[in-house]
Amino acid sequence: MARPAEGGLIGLDTDGAIGWARFPDAPAEMVRVVLKAGGAEVARTVANRFGDPRIETLTGPGVAGFVTHLERLPACPVPFQLTAHVAEDDAPLGAALPVRNDAELAALMGRATRGEIQGHLDSLHAGYVHGWARDEANPGLSVRVEVLDGAVVVASGLANRLREDLRAAGLHTGLYGFSIPLPAVLLDGRTHSLTAWVVGADTPLPGGPVAFGPSTAVALMHEVAGLREEVARLAALVDGLVAPDGVAQRRMMQMLAERVAAFGEIQREQGERDMAALRAMVLALAGRAEAEAAARGTDARATKRRR
């Protein structure tokens, strides 16, 4: 009997085909994946890649993905449909991914020829570096942008966000924007000089360098301080609600608080989700404490009546 699996192809760039796969009943087990073109196998891989933002943007954290080039040239002509299947039973994973031209096929084979890089580093706002970039020779592919502090890579991301201004200007689909979060280590009180580079390019994108330091990060650090204060208040409230034997609940609260403190600085959306989880748990614990108190009061009154 075939094991149920879920997943699919997400897209392609100069790294090859990108996708994800997992067994819902055994999420820790890696799924072996077969890629096919025109019904014939062209690659085999394993969904064992974690932490890739190209995958987590669509699946969320903790889901295994894969990124792979094709192992052999498809026998079918371009354009064609690339499909993903579970290797164990050939069950399809998600919808087919269209490969529309020779440039996309070259990228899948790891042979893409880079053209002139176009783009710009536009701004640094709320802990994110914003801009756009594209490879003029391969307009259907997303390029990877790295943010450097001097000569050190501190962050990276795909230039694949829709920019209506670029599409209106006639730049193909307009899917060339990027918003790359900066790491919390840059909130160290020093001034950093940041540039943006397309991977493999010889020069940085125009618009840099931009400075990031105490003056540009002050609003962000104030927001972090407020977030930490709320975490402390919620933790104190939980300590007052959880019974002495509620070790598991307190440990979960501690883990959530640590995550907020560690990642809240830059990854604001994740921080908000964690904060929502904290609030929900506090409310649940408060409700349980009230119910237990009411039950104890009922038992006390019943005992008194028996006496």
Protein backbone atom coordinates (compact mmCIF):
# COMPACT_ATOMS: atom_id res chain seq x y z
CA MET A 1 0.00 0.00 0.00
CA ALA A 2 1.37 3.40 -0.97
CA ARG A 3 2.42 5.68 1.89
CA PRO A 4 0.74 9.10 1.81
CA ALA A 5 3.19 11.90 1.02
CA GLU A 6 2.82 15.60 0.36
CA GLY A 7 5.02 18.15 -1.37
CA GLY A 8 5.77 19.46 -4.82
CA LEU A 9 7.96 21.62 -7.00
CA ILE A 10 8.22 25.29 -6.01
CA GLY A 11 10.28 26.77 -8.82
CA LEU A 12 13.69 26.88 -10.43
CA ASP A 13 16.70 29.17 -10.42
CA THR A 14 20.41 28.86 -11.15
CA ASP A 15 20.68 26.20 -8.40
CA GLY A 16 18.26 23.93 -10.30
CA ALA A 17 14.80 22.63 -9.39
CA ILE A 18 13.45 23.56 -5.95
CA GLY A 19 10.76 21.64 -4.06
CA TRP A 20 9.71 19.96 -0.83
CA ALA A 21 8.35 16.61 0.35
CA ARG A 22 7.44 14.84 3.58
CA PHE A 23 5.47 11.92 4.99
CA PRO A 24 2.74 13.45 7.24
CA ASP A 25 2.72 10.35 9.44
CA ALA A 26 6.53 10.38 9.81
CA PRO A 27 7.81 13.96 9.36
CA ALA A 28 11.31 13.07 10.59
CA GLU A 29 11.79 10.53 7.77
CA MET A 30 13.38 11.91 4.60
CA VAL A 31 11.51 11.38 1.31
CA ARG A 32 13.41 10.13 -1.74
CA VAL A 33 12.23 12.05 -4.83
CA VAL A 34 12.37 11.31 -8.56
CA LEU A 35 12.09 14.10 -11.14
CA LYS A 36 10.64 13.32 -14.57
CA ALA A 37 10.41 15.15 -17.89
CA GLY A 38 8.06 13.79 -20.52
CA GLY A 39 7.43 10.79 -18.25
CA ALA A 40 11.13 9.80 -18.17
CA GLU A 41 13.37 10.04 -15.12
CA VAL A 42 15.91 12.89 -15.25
CA ALA A 43 17.09 13.13 -11.62
CA ARG A 44 16.93 11.58 -8.17
CA THR A 45 17.31 13.45 -4.90
CA VAL A 46 16.32 13.41 -1.22
CA ALA A 47 14.22 16.00 0.59
CA ASN A 48 16.73 16.66 3.37
CA ARG A 49 17.36 20.41 3.08
CA PHE A 50 16.30 22.60 6.01
CA GLY A 51 16.51 26.34 6.55
CA ASP A 52 16.40 27.31 2.87
CA PRO A 53 14.35 30.55 2.66
CA ARG A 54 13.18 29.68 -0.86
CA ILE A 55 11.40 26.67 0.64
CA GLU A 56 10.41 28.00 4.06
CA THR A 57 8.71 31.03 2.54
CA LEU A 58 6.00 28.71 1.20
CA THR A 59 6.07 25.77 3.64
CA GLY A 60 7.04 27.34 6.95
CA PRO A 61 10.00 26.31 9.15
CA GLY A 62 10.91 22.70 9.81
CA VAL A 63 9.80 21.26 6.44
CA ALA A 64 12.38 19.33 4.42
CA GLY A 65 13.05 20.48 0.88
CA PHE A 66 15.33 19.70 -2.05
CA VAL A 67 17.35 21.67 -4.59
CA THR A 68 18.91 19.75 -7.46
CA HIS A 69 20.16 19.95 -11.03
CA LEU A 70 19.04 17.39 -13.59
CA GLU A 71 21.31 14.38 -13.99
CA ARG A 72 20.52 13.84 -17.67
CA LEU A 73 19.20 15.90 -20.56
CA PRO A 74 15.44 15.37 -21.10
CA ALA A 75 14.55 13.49 -24.27
CA CYS A 76 11.55 15.77 -24.86
CA PRO A 77 11.95 19.20 -26.49
CA VAL A 78 11.46 22.55 -24.78
CA PRO A 79 8.91 23.54 -23.56
CA PHE A 80 8.05 20.59 -21.32
CA GLN A 81 6.60 19.80 -17.89
CA LEU A 82 8.88 18.77 -15.02
CA THR A 83 7.18 16.59 -12.38
CA ALA A 84 8.18 15.27 -8.96
CA HIS A 85 7.34 11.80 -7.64
CA VAL A 86 7.94 9.74 -4.50
CA ALA A 87 10.68 7.26 -5.43
CA GLU A 88 9.11 4.41 -3.45
CA ASP A 89 5.82 4.19 -5.32
CA ASP A 90 5.99 6.84 -8.10
CA ALA A 91 3.19 8.84 -6.43
CA PRO A 92 3.09 12.40 -7.86
CA LEU A 93 4.04 15.32 -5.63
CA GLY A 94 2.10 18.47 -6.42
CA ALA A 95 1.63 20.07 -9.81
CA ALA A 96 3.99 20.05 -12.79
CA LEU A 97 6.52 22.86 -13.22
CA PRO A 98 6.78 24.28 -16.76
CA VAL A 99 10.24 24.60 -18.30
CA ARG A 100 9.58 27.21 -20.96
CA ASN A 101 12.83 27.93 -22.78
CA ASP A 102 16.46 26.95 -23.29
CA ALA A 103 17.69 29.33 -20.60
CA GLU A 104 15.58 27.61 -17.95
CA LEU A 105 16.72 24.20 -19.19
CA ALA A 106 20.35 25.35 -19.00
CA ALA A 107 19.81 26.42 -15.39
CA LEU A 108 18.29 23.01 -14.56
CA MET A 109 21.37 21.34 -16.08
CA GLY A 110 23.76 23.63 -14.19
CA ARG A 111 24.95 25.26 -17.43
CA ALA A 112 23.27 28.65 -17.29
CA THR A 113 25.27 31.44 -18.95
CA ARG A 114 25.09 34.66 -17.00
CA GLY A 115 24.30 37.87 -18.82
CA GLU A 116 24.52 41.46 -17.68
CA ILE A 117 23.27 42.00 -14.13
CA GLN A 118 20.69 44.73 -13.69
CA GLY A 119 19.40 46.02 -10.38
CA HIS A 120 19.75 48.43 -7.51
CA LEU A 121 20.08 48.50 -3.72
CA ASP A 122 17.15 50.78 -2.93
CA SER A 123 16.95 51.17 0.85
CA LEU A 124 17.53 49.80 4.32
CA HIS A 125 14.35 49.90 6.39
CA ALA A 126 13.21 48.19 9.61
CA GLY A 127 16.06 45.68 9.52
CA TYR A 128 15.59 44.69 5.86
CA VAL A 129 17.69 45.47 2.78
CA HIS A 130 15.38 46.27 -0.15
CA GLY A 131 16.12 46.41 -3.86
CA TRP A 132 15.91 44.48 -7.10
CA ALA A 133 18.17 42.42 -9.35
CA ARG A 134 17.93 40.27 -12.47
CA ASP A 135 20.07 38.52 -15.05
CA GLU A 136 19.28 40.19 -18.38
CA ALA A 137 20.16 37.02 -20.33
CA ASN A 138 17.88 34.83 -18.18
CA PRO A 139 14.80 36.94 -17.32
CA GLY A 140 12.78 33.89 -16.25
CA LEU A 141 15.25 32.90 -13.51
CA SER A 142 15.61 34.36 -10.03
CA VAL A 143 19.11 35.42 -9.00
CA ARG A 144 20.46 35.13 -5.45
CA VAL A 145 21.57 38.32 -3.71
CA GLU A 146 24.07 38.39 -0.86
CA VAL A 147 24.42 41.26 1.62
CA LEU A 148 28.01 41.94 2.65
CA ASP A 149 29.30 43.84 5.66
CA GLY A 150 32.64 44.87 4.24
CA ALA A 151 33.94 41.56 2.87
CA VAL A 152 31.76 39.29 5.05
CA VAL A 153 28.44 37.80 3.84
CA VAL A 154 25.87 38.46 6.56
CA ALA A 155 22.58 37.62 4.76
CA SER A 156 21.21 36.37 1.45
CA GLY A 157 17.94 35.90 -0.39
CA LEU A 158 16.32 35.41 -3.78
CA ALA A 159 15.32 38.37 -5.94
CA ASN A 160 11.88 36.96 -6.73
CA ARG A 161 9.35 39.43 -5.28
CA LEU A 162 6.88 41.17 -7.56
CA ARG A 163 7.74 44.79 -8.31
CA GLU A 164 4.91 46.45 -10.18
CA ASP A 165 7.17 49.37 -11.12
CA LEU A 166 9.58 47.02 -12.87
CA ARG A 167 6.79 45.21 -14.72
CA ALA A 168 5.31 48.55 -15.78
CA ALA A 169 8.76 49.51 -17.09
CA GLY A 170 8.71 46.46 -19.40
CA LEU A 171 11.05 44.23 -17.39
CA HIS A 172 9.39 40.88 -18.14
CA THR A 173 7.34 39.60 -15.17
CA GLY A 174 8.66 42.15 -12.67
CA LEU A 175 9.51 39.31 -10.24
CA TYR A 176 12.93 40.71 -9.37
CA GLY A 177 12.52 42.46 -6.02
CA PHE A 178 14.22 41.42 -2.80
CA SER A 179 13.72 42.21 0.90
CA ILE A 180 16.45 40.49 2.88
CA PRO A 181 16.35 40.46 6.72
CA LEU A 182 19.55 41.44 8.49
CA PRO A 183 20.84 39.24 11.34
CA ALA A 184 20.61 40.34 14.95
CA VAL A 185 24.41 40.25 15.30
CA LEU A 186 24.51 43.60 13.48
CA LEU A 187 22.75 45.21 16.47
CA ASP A 188 26.07 45.50 18.28
CA GLY A 189 26.32 49.27 18.60
CA ARG A 190 28.81 49.61 15.76
CA THR A 191 28.29 51.09 12.30
CA HIS A 192 28.34 48.59 9.42
CA SER A 193 28.85 49.30 5.72
CA LEU A 194 26.50 47.10 3.68
CA THR A 195 26.56 46.27 -0.02
CA ALA A 196 24.41 43.92 -2.13
CA TRP A 197 25.92 41.51 -4.68
CA VAL A 198 24.34 39.06 -7.09
CA VAL A 199 26.09 35.72 -6.55
CA GLY A 200 28.77 35.32 -9.20
CA ALA A 201 28.79 38.99 -10.21
CA ASP A 202 32.02 41.00 -10.32
CA THR A 203 30.63 44.25 -8.91
CA PRO A 204 28.00 45.16 -6.27
CA LEU A 205 24.59 46.52 -7.14
CA PRO A 206 24.45 50.30 -7.45
CA GLY A 207 23.00 52.16 -4.50
CA GLY A 208 25.49 50.94 -1.90
CA PRO A 209 27.17 50.96 0.39
CA VAL A 210 24.57 51.90 2.99
CA ALA A 211 25.31 52.43 6.67
CA PHE A 212 23.62 50.40 9.39
CA GLY A 213 24.43 51.28 12.97
CA PRO A 214 23.21 52.89 16.19
CA SER A 215 21.44 55.77 14.45
CA THR A 216 19.68 53.62 11.83
CA ALA A 217 18.82 50.79 14.24
CA VAL A 218 17.52 52.84 17.18
CA ALA A 219 13.82 52.38 16.31
CA LEU A 220 14.32 48.66 15.81
CA MET A 221 16.13 48.30 19.14
CA HIS A 222 13.33 50.18 20.93
CA GLU A 223 10.83 47.73 19.44
CA VAL A 224 12.96 44.80 20.60
CA ALA A 225 13.15 46.24 24.12
CA GLY A 226 9.36 46.54 24.26
CA LEU A 227 8.98 42.97 23.01
CA ARG A 228 11.33 41.66 25.70
CA GLU A 229 9.43 43.55 28.40
CA GLU A 230 6.17 41.93 27.31
CA VAL A 231 7.83 38.51 27.34
CA ALA A 232 9.00 39.17 30.93
CA ARG A 233 5.50 40.21 32.01
CA LEU A 234 3.92 37.14 30.45
CA ALA A 235 6.53 34.86 32.00
CA ALA A 236 5.86 36.36 35.44
CA LEU A 237 2.12 35.84 34.97
CA VAL A 238 2.68 32.21 33.98
CA ASP A 239 4.81 31.61 37.07
CA GLY A 240 1.83 32.75 39.11
CA LEU A 241 -0.65 30.54 37.27
CA VAL A 242 1.12 27.25 36.71
CA ALA A 243 0.90 24.74 39.53
CA PRO A 244 4.18 23.52 41.09
CA ASP A 245 4.01 20.33 39.07
CA GLY A 246 3.50 22.16 35.75
CA VAL A 247 7.09 21.66 34.62
CA ALA A 248 6.20 20.93 30.99
CA GLN A 249 4.14 24.09 30.67
CA ARG A 250 6.86 26.27 32.16
CA ARG A 251 9.49 24.70 29.91
CA MET A 252 7.38 25.40 26.82
CA MET A 253 6.91 28.99 27.94
CA GLN A 254 10.66 29.31 28.46
CA MET A 255 11.40 27.96 24.98
CA LEU A 256 8.93 30.38 23.39
CA ALA A 257 10.34 33.31 25.34
CA GLU A 258 13.88 32.38 24.31
CA ARG A 259 12.82 32.24 20.66
CA VAL A 260 11.23 35.66 20.86
CA ALA A 261 14.29 37.13 22.55
CA ALA A 262 16.63 35.58 20.01
CA PHE A 263 14.78 36.28 16.78
CA GLY A 264 12.36 39.10 17.51
CA GLU A 265 14.89 41.76 16.54
CA ILE A 266 14.75 41.16 12.81
CA GLN A 267 12.26 38.39 12.07
CA ARG A 268 9.28 40.42 13.20
CA GLU A 269 6.60 38.21 11.69
CA GLN A 270 7.92 35.11 13.43
CA GLY A 271 8.14 37.09 16.64
CA GLU A 272 4.50 38.08 16.34
CA ARG A 273 3.49 34.45 15.85
CA ASP A 274 5.49 33.44 18.91
CA MET A 275 3.94 36.25 20.92
CA ALA A 276 0.47 35.10 19.85
CA ALA A 277 1.35 31.59 21.05
CA LEU A 278 2.51 33.01 24.38
CA ARG A 279 -0.70 34.97 24.85
CA ALA A 280 -2.84 31.96 23.91
CA MET A 281 -1.03 29.76 26.43
CA VAL A 282 -1.36 32.35 29.18
CA LEU A 283 -5.10 32.63 28.55
CA ALA A 284 -5.45 28.84 28.52
CA LEU A 285 -3.50 28.51 31.76
CA ALA A 286 -5.55 31.30 33.36
CA GLY A 287 -8.76 29.53 32.37
CA ARG A 288 -7.50 26.25 33.76
CA ALA A 289 -6.40 27.90 37.02
CA GLU A 290 -9.84 29.48 37.44
CA ALA A 291 -11.53 26.15 36.75
CA GLU A 292 -9.30 24.37 39.26
CA ALA A 293 -9.95 27.06 41.85
CA ALA A 294 -13.69 26.74 41.27
CA ALA A 295 -13.46 22.96 41.58
CA ARG A 296 -11.54 23.24 44.84
CA GLY A 297 -14.19 25.63 46.16
CA THR A 298 -16.95 23.20 45.21
CA ASP A 299 -15.13 20.29 46.89
CA ALA A 300 -14.57 22.39 50.03
CA ARG A 301 -18.27 23.30 50.24
CA ALA A 302 -19.30 19.68 49.72
CA THR A 303 -16.95 18.52 52.48
CA LYS A 304 -18.28 21.18 54.83
CA ARG A 305 -21.88 20.08 54.19
CA ARG A 306 -20.97 16.46 54.92
CA ARG A 307 -19.54 17.51 58.23
